[in-house]
Amino acid sequence: MRKKTQTFFAMTTPAFTQPPKLPYLDPGREKTVEQLRNLVQRRGFSVLTAPSGCGKTAILHYLCKELTDTHHKIIYVPFSFLEKAQMLSFISAKMGLEVTRGMASTIRAIQKHLHDIQPINPVIIIDEIERMDIDTTHIMRLILNDRADTSFHSTLILAGDDSFVEQKLRLHINQPLRQRITLYVKLRPFDHHHTQLYIEHCLRNVGVSELFEVQAIQLIHELTNGVPRIINTLAETAIDLAAEHNQRTVTLDHVHEAAASALPPQSLQVLS
């Protein structure tokens, strides 16, 4: 968002470039957060999936902010494309452990640390899980479930798009991990009603209200299919255009013009 747009509408911060302090939670997202809270409390393995741009990372950050340092040890891995040795080193460093030589030694050090910090709950979150290779997936199961009993001593949240479940988790080699997963949750795009509420939530967060025409929001939903990341791009571009024309309301025309420059051509079929 342009600085002059921010000034024109008297916004405290950019409305859509920066995420709100509190994410917008439609009923589906409220349920997802509650399910993840319960999972952390009882400990276990879970999978969170969502189409690209639907806000899973925002939900995970929101969840992490709720967890206290006195009861939880959060290890957040924002990417999963690392090979197994690199992943082990990354997690080990996040735990503040000394560097050891060899994967076996690193695994033992991580396992010992997870046991030593009990009753603190280790919460390991791995994002972009669809990019993790099979060997690394196997290593994650080993370090988090190394005891002879079947109880969970940590929390693992694997987050990514649907392809992880369909293309990797269903493989026979991942059956031991699949059997330990106790929760599957999925985020979905907003419907039209919640697209409107989401836009209003982002605007209220920066001190603005009633900025968009009803028809403009309807078109935003149609063009974005309710995907928050695309809503952000289109809404912000339309607001910039309104400010450029010295208009206090974002109209249907502004959204049409914004779509022509901010969205890929195949997204514009609804305009014809």
Protein backbone atom coordinates (compact mmCIF):
# COMPACT_ATOMS: atom_id res chain seq x y z
CA MET A 1 0.00 0.00 0.00
CA ARG A 2 1.27 3.45 -0.91
CA LYS A 3 2.12 5.82 1.90
CA LYS A 4 -0.11 8.52 0.44
CA THR A 5 -3.02 6.04 0.42
CA GLN A 6 -2.46 5.40 4.08
CA THR A 7 -2.48 9.14 4.74
CA PHE A 8 -5.50 9.80 2.52
CA PHE A 9 -7.66 7.30 4.43
CA ALA A 10 -6.05 8.06 7.83
CA MET A 11 -4.95 4.47 8.32
CA THR A 12 -2.71 3.71 11.28
CA THR A 13 -0.85 1.04 9.29
CA PRO A 14 -1.33 -0.58 5.87
CA ALA A 15 -4.63 -2.45 5.89
CA PHE A 16 -3.66 -5.60 4.04
CA THR A 17 0.13 -5.64 3.67
CA GLN A 18 0.64 -6.28 7.37
CA PRO A 19 -1.43 -9.00 9.05
CA PRO A 20 -3.83 -7.81 11.78
CA LYS A 21 -2.75 -8.29 15.39
CA LEU A 22 -5.55 -10.81 15.70
CA PRO A 23 -6.40 -12.88 12.61
CA TYR A 24 -9.95 -13.00 11.36
CA LEU A 25 -11.49 -16.28 12.48
CA ASP A 26 -14.56 -17.47 10.66
CA PRO A 27 -16.36 -20.44 12.27
CA GLY A 28 -14.12 -22.93 10.47
CA ARG A 29 -10.94 -21.20 11.64
CA GLU A 30 -12.28 -20.84 15.17
CA LYS A 31 -12.89 -24.57 15.24
CA THR A 32 -9.42 -25.25 13.83
CA VAL A 33 -7.72 -23.15 16.51
CA GLU A 34 -9.75 -24.84 19.24
CA GLN A 35 -8.86 -28.29 17.90
CA LEU A 36 -5.16 -27.39 17.81
CA ARG A 37 -5.35 -26.00 21.35
CA ASN A 38 -6.84 -29.27 22.55
CA LEU A 39 -4.20 -31.24 20.68
CA VAL A 40 -1.40 -29.28 22.33
CA GLN A 41 -2.98 -29.83 25.73
CA ARG A 42 -3.20 -33.61 25.36
CA ARG A 43 -0.12 -33.89 23.10
CA GLY A 44 0.01 -35.81 19.85
CA PHE A 45 0.60 -35.58 16.11
CA SER A 46 -1.58 -33.57 13.74
CA VAL A 47 -1.82 -32.43 10.13
CA LEU A 48 -3.11 -28.97 9.14
CA THR A 49 -3.79 -28.51 5.44
CA ALA A 50 -5.09 -25.62 3.37
CA PRO A 51 -5.05 -24.43 -0.24
CA SER A 52 -2.23 -21.98 -0.86
CA GLY A 53 -2.95 -18.51 0.50
CA CYS A 54 -5.67 -19.54 2.97
CA GLY A 55 -3.81 -18.40 6.08
CA LYS A 56 -2.47 -21.54 7.75
CA THR A 57 0.77 -19.80 8.73
CA ALA A 58 -1.20 -16.93 10.31
CA ILE A 59 -3.22 -19.47 12.31
CA LEU A 60 -0.05 -21.19 13.47
CA HIS A 61 1.54 -17.91 14.60
CA TYR A 62 -1.67 -17.04 16.44
CA LEU A 63 -1.59 -20.40 18.20
CA CYS A 64 2.08 -20.00 19.15
CA LYS A 65 1.43 -16.60 20.74
CA GLU A 66 -1.10 -18.25 23.04
CA LEU A 67 1.35 -20.84 24.34
CA THR A 68 3.30 -19.81 27.42
CA ASP A 69 7.05 -20.21 27.71
CA THR A 70 6.63 -21.75 31.16
CA HIS A 71 4.62 -24.70 29.84
CA HIS A 72 5.69 -25.06 26.21
CA LYS A 73 8.86 -25.21 24.15
CA ILE A 74 8.01 -24.08 20.61
CA ILE A 75 10.24 -25.10 17.71
CA TYR A 76 8.84 -23.56 14.54
CA VAL A 77 10.34 -24.74 11.24
CA PRO A 78 9.10 -22.39 8.47
CA PHE A 79 10.30 -24.63 5.65
CA SER A 80 10.61 -28.37 5.18
CA PHE A 81 12.75 -28.72 2.06
CA LEU A 82 15.85 -29.46 4.17
CA GLU A 83 17.38 -32.90 3.88
CA LYS A 84 17.20 -35.03 7.01
CA ALA A 85 20.66 -34.10 8.33
CA GLN A 86 19.98 -30.41 7.77
CA MET A 87 16.57 -30.68 9.42
CA LEU A 88 18.09 -32.35 12.47
CA SER A 89 20.74 -29.64 12.72
CA PHE A 90 18.12 -26.90 12.39
CA ILE A 91 15.91 -28.37 15.12
CA SER A 92 18.92 -29.02 17.33
CA ALA A 93 20.02 -25.38 16.99
CA LYS A 94 16.48 -24.17 17.78
CA MET A 95 16.65 -26.18 20.98
CA GLY A 96 19.95 -24.57 21.90
CA LEU A 97 21.87 -27.84 21.76
CA GLU A 98 25.56 -28.16 21.00
CA VAL A 99 26.43 -29.30 17.51
CA THR A 100 27.16 -33.04 17.37
CA ARG A 101 28.67 -35.11 14.59
CA GLY A 102 26.50 -37.66 12.90
CA MET A 103 22.74 -38.01 12.63
CA ALA A 104 22.51 -40.74 15.26
CA SER A 105 24.20 -38.53 17.85
CA THR A 106 21.98 -35.58 16.93
CA ILE A 107 18.83 -37.69 17.22
CA ARG A 108 19.87 -38.95 20.66
CA ALA A 109 20.66 -35.41 21.79
CA ILE A 110 17.27 -34.15 20.63
CA GLN A 111 15.46 -37.08 22.26
CA LYS A 112 17.31 -36.54 25.52
CA HIS A 113 16.48 -32.84 25.47
CA LEU A 114 12.80 -33.54 24.86
CA HIS A 115 12.78 -35.88 27.84
CA ASP A 116 14.83 -33.62 30.10
CA ILE A 117 12.54 -30.59 29.73
CA GLN A 118 9.44 -32.50 30.85
CA PRO A 119 6.81 -31.60 32.01
CA ILE A 120 7.28 -28.73 29.54
CA ASN A 121 5.47 -29.66 26.34
CA PRO A 122 7.71 -29.56 23.24
CA VAL A 123 5.61 -28.22 20.35
CA ILE A 124 7.29 -28.75 16.98
CA ILE A 125 5.59 -27.09 14.01
CA ILE A 126 6.81 -27.80 10.48
CA ASP A 127 5.36 -25.61 7.75
CA GLU A 128 5.33 -26.23 3.98
CA ILE A 129 5.31 -29.95 4.78
CA GLU A 130 4.46 -30.92 1.20
CA ARG A 131 8.11 -30.20 0.35
CA MET A 132 9.53 -32.64 2.91
CA ASP A 133 11.10 -35.79 1.49
CA ILE A 134 10.25 -39.26 2.76
CA ASP A 135 13.51 -39.79 4.66
CA THR A 136 13.06 -36.56 6.60
CA THR A 137 9.47 -37.48 7.43
CA HIS A 138 10.72 -40.79 8.82
CA ILE A 139 13.35 -39.04 10.95
CA MET A 140 10.72 -36.71 12.45
CA ARG A 141 8.67 -39.70 13.59
CA LEU A 142 11.71 -41.31 15.16
CA ILE A 143 12.85 -38.35 17.22
CA LEU A 144 9.37 -37.61 18.55
CA ASN A 145 8.20 -41.13 19.32
CA ASP A 146 11.21 -43.07 20.54
CA ARG A 147 9.84 -44.74 23.64
CA ALA A 148 8.49 -48.24 23.97
CA ASP A 149 5.11 -47.03 25.29
CA THR A 150 2.46 -45.49 23.09
CA SER A 151 1.92 -42.21 24.94
CA PHE A 152 2.89 -38.88 23.40
CA HIS A 153 5.61 -36.81 25.06
CA SER A 154 5.52 -33.93 22.60
CA THR A 155 3.30 -32.20 20.06
CA LEU A 156 3.93 -32.25 16.31
CA ILE A 157 1.96 -30.12 13.86
CA LEU A 158 2.63 -30.75 10.16
CA ALA A 159 1.23 -27.93 8.03
CA GLY A 160 1.00 -27.69 4.26
CA ASP A 161 -1.22 -28.02 1.26
CA ASP A 162 -3.45 -30.97 0.43
CA SER A 163 -0.81 -32.64 -1.72
CA PHE A 164 1.08 -33.83 1.37
CA VAL A 165 -1.83 -36.01 2.46
CA GLU A 166 -2.72 -37.20 -1.03
CA GLN A 167 0.75 -37.78 -2.46
CA LYS A 168 3.00 -38.56 0.51
CA LEU A 169 1.19 -39.41 3.74
CA ARG A 170 -0.87 -42.14 2.04
CA LEU A 171 2.29 -43.96 0.93
CA HIS A 172 2.85 -47.32 2.62
CA ILE A 173 6.24 -46.21 3.92
CA ASN A 174 4.51 -43.46 5.93
CA GLN A 175 2.05 -45.83 7.58
CA PRO A 176 3.85 -45.68 10.99
CA LEU A 177 3.54 -41.88 10.98
CA ARG A 178 -0.03 -41.98 9.68
CA GLN A 179 -1.06 -44.31 12.50
CA ARG A 180 0.21 -41.82 15.08
CA ILE A 181 -1.71 -38.83 13.72
CA THR A 182 -4.67 -38.09 15.97
CA LEU A 183 -6.00 -34.93 14.31
CA TYR A 184 -6.54 -33.77 10.73
CA VAL A 185 -7.76 -30.20 10.22
CA LYS A 186 -8.31 -28.25 7.01
CA LEU A 187 -8.72 -24.54 6.31
CA ARG A 188 -10.94 -23.47 3.44
CA PRO A 189 -11.37 -20.19 1.51
CA PHE A 190 -13.96 -17.71 2.77
CA ASP A 191 -17.49 -17.72 1.45
CA HIS A 192 -18.93 -14.38 0.30
CA HIS A 193 -20.23 -13.41 3.74
CA HIS A 194 -16.91 -14.05 5.45
CA THR A 195 -14.97 -12.37 2.64
CA GLN A 196 -16.87 -9.22 3.56
CA LEU A 197 -16.30 -9.72 7.28
CA TYR A 198 -12.61 -10.41 6.66
CA ILE A 199 -12.18 -7.16 4.70
CA GLU A 200 -14.04 -5.23 7.40
CA HIS A 201 -11.86 -6.85 10.08
CA CYS A 202 -8.64 -5.78 8.32
CA LEU A 203 -9.95 -2.23 7.89
CA ARG A 204 -11.08 -1.90 11.51
CA ASN A 205 -7.64 -3.00 12.57
CA VAL A 206 -6.20 0.17 10.95
CA GLY A 207 -8.97 2.52 12.10
CA VAL A 208 -11.14 2.58 8.96
CA SER A 209 -14.70 1.40 8.31
CA GLU A 210 -17.25 1.28 5.47
CA LEU A 211 -14.67 1.82 2.75
CA PHE A 212 -15.95 -0.61 0.08
CA GLU A 213 -19.18 -0.61 -1.86
CA VAL A 214 -21.19 -3.81 -1.41
CA GLN A 215 -20.83 -4.62 -5.13
CA ALA A 216 -17.08 -4.10 -4.93
CA ILE A 217 -16.78 -6.71 -2.18
CA GLN A 218 -18.96 -9.08 -4.18
CA LEU A 219 -16.61 -8.80 -7.14
CA ILE A 220 -13.55 -9.25 -4.93
CA HIS A 221 -15.00 -12.51 -3.66
CA GLU A 222 -15.81 -13.72 -7.18
CA LEU A 223 -12.33 -12.90 -8.47
CA THR A 224 -10.43 -14.37 -5.52
CA ASN A 225 -12.64 -17.35 -4.70
CA GLY A 226 -12.35 -16.27 -1.08
CA VAL A 227 -8.59 -16.91 -0.77
CA PRO A 228 -7.28 -14.42 1.84
CA ARG A 229 -3.88 -13.79 0.23
CA ILE A 230 -5.47 -12.86 -3.10
CA ILE A 231 -8.14 -10.80 -1.34
CA ASN A 232 -5.32 -8.82 0.29
CA THR A 233 -3.66 -8.09 -3.05
CA LEU A 234 -6.82 -7.09 -4.86
CA ALA A 235 -8.33 -5.04 -2.03
CA GLU A 236 -5.13 -3.12 -1.42
CA THR A 237 -4.66 -2.32 -5.11
CA ALA A 238 -8.27 -1.11 -5.32
CA ILE A 239 -7.78 1.12 -2.27
CA ASP A 240 -4.68 2.64 -3.86
CA LEU A 241 -6.68 3.41 -6.99
CA ALA A 242 -9.48 5.05 -4.98
CA ALA A 243 -6.94 7.27 -3.22
CA GLU A 244 -5.29 8.11 -6.54
CA HIS A 245 -8.67 9.37 -7.79
CA ASN A 246 -9.37 11.23 -4.53
CA GLN A 247 -12.42 9.09 -3.85
CA ARG A 248 -13.34 8.07 -0.30
CA THR A 249 -15.19 4.92 -1.35
CA VAL A 250 -13.78 1.90 -3.18
CA THR A 251 -16.16 1.19 -6.04
CA LEU A 252 -16.81 -1.59 -8.49
CA ASP A 253 -14.78 0.31 -11.09
CA HIS A 254 -11.77 0.43 -8.79
CA VAL A 255 -11.90 -3.34 -8.30
CA HIS A 256 -12.24 -3.90 -12.06
CA GLU A 257 -9.19 -1.71 -12.68
CA ALA A 258 -7.23 -3.33 -9.84
CA ALA A 259 -7.98 -6.82 -11.16
CA ALA A 260 -6.54 -5.94 -14.57
CA SER A 261 -3.13 -5.26 -13.06
CA ALA A 262 -3.03 -7.34 -9.87
CA LEU A 263 -4.46 -10.70 -10.98
CA PRO A 264 -3.29 -13.19 -13.63
CA PRO A 265 -5.32 -13.17 -16.87
CA GLN A 266 -7.11 -16.47 -16.16
CA SER A 267 -8.60 -14.92 -13.00
CA LEU A 268 -10.41 -12.26 -15.01
CA GLN A 269 -12.91 -14.48 -16.85
CA VAL A 270 -15.63 -13.32 -14.47
CA LEU A 271 -15.22 -9.80 -15.86
CA SER A 272 -16.22 -10.80 -19.38
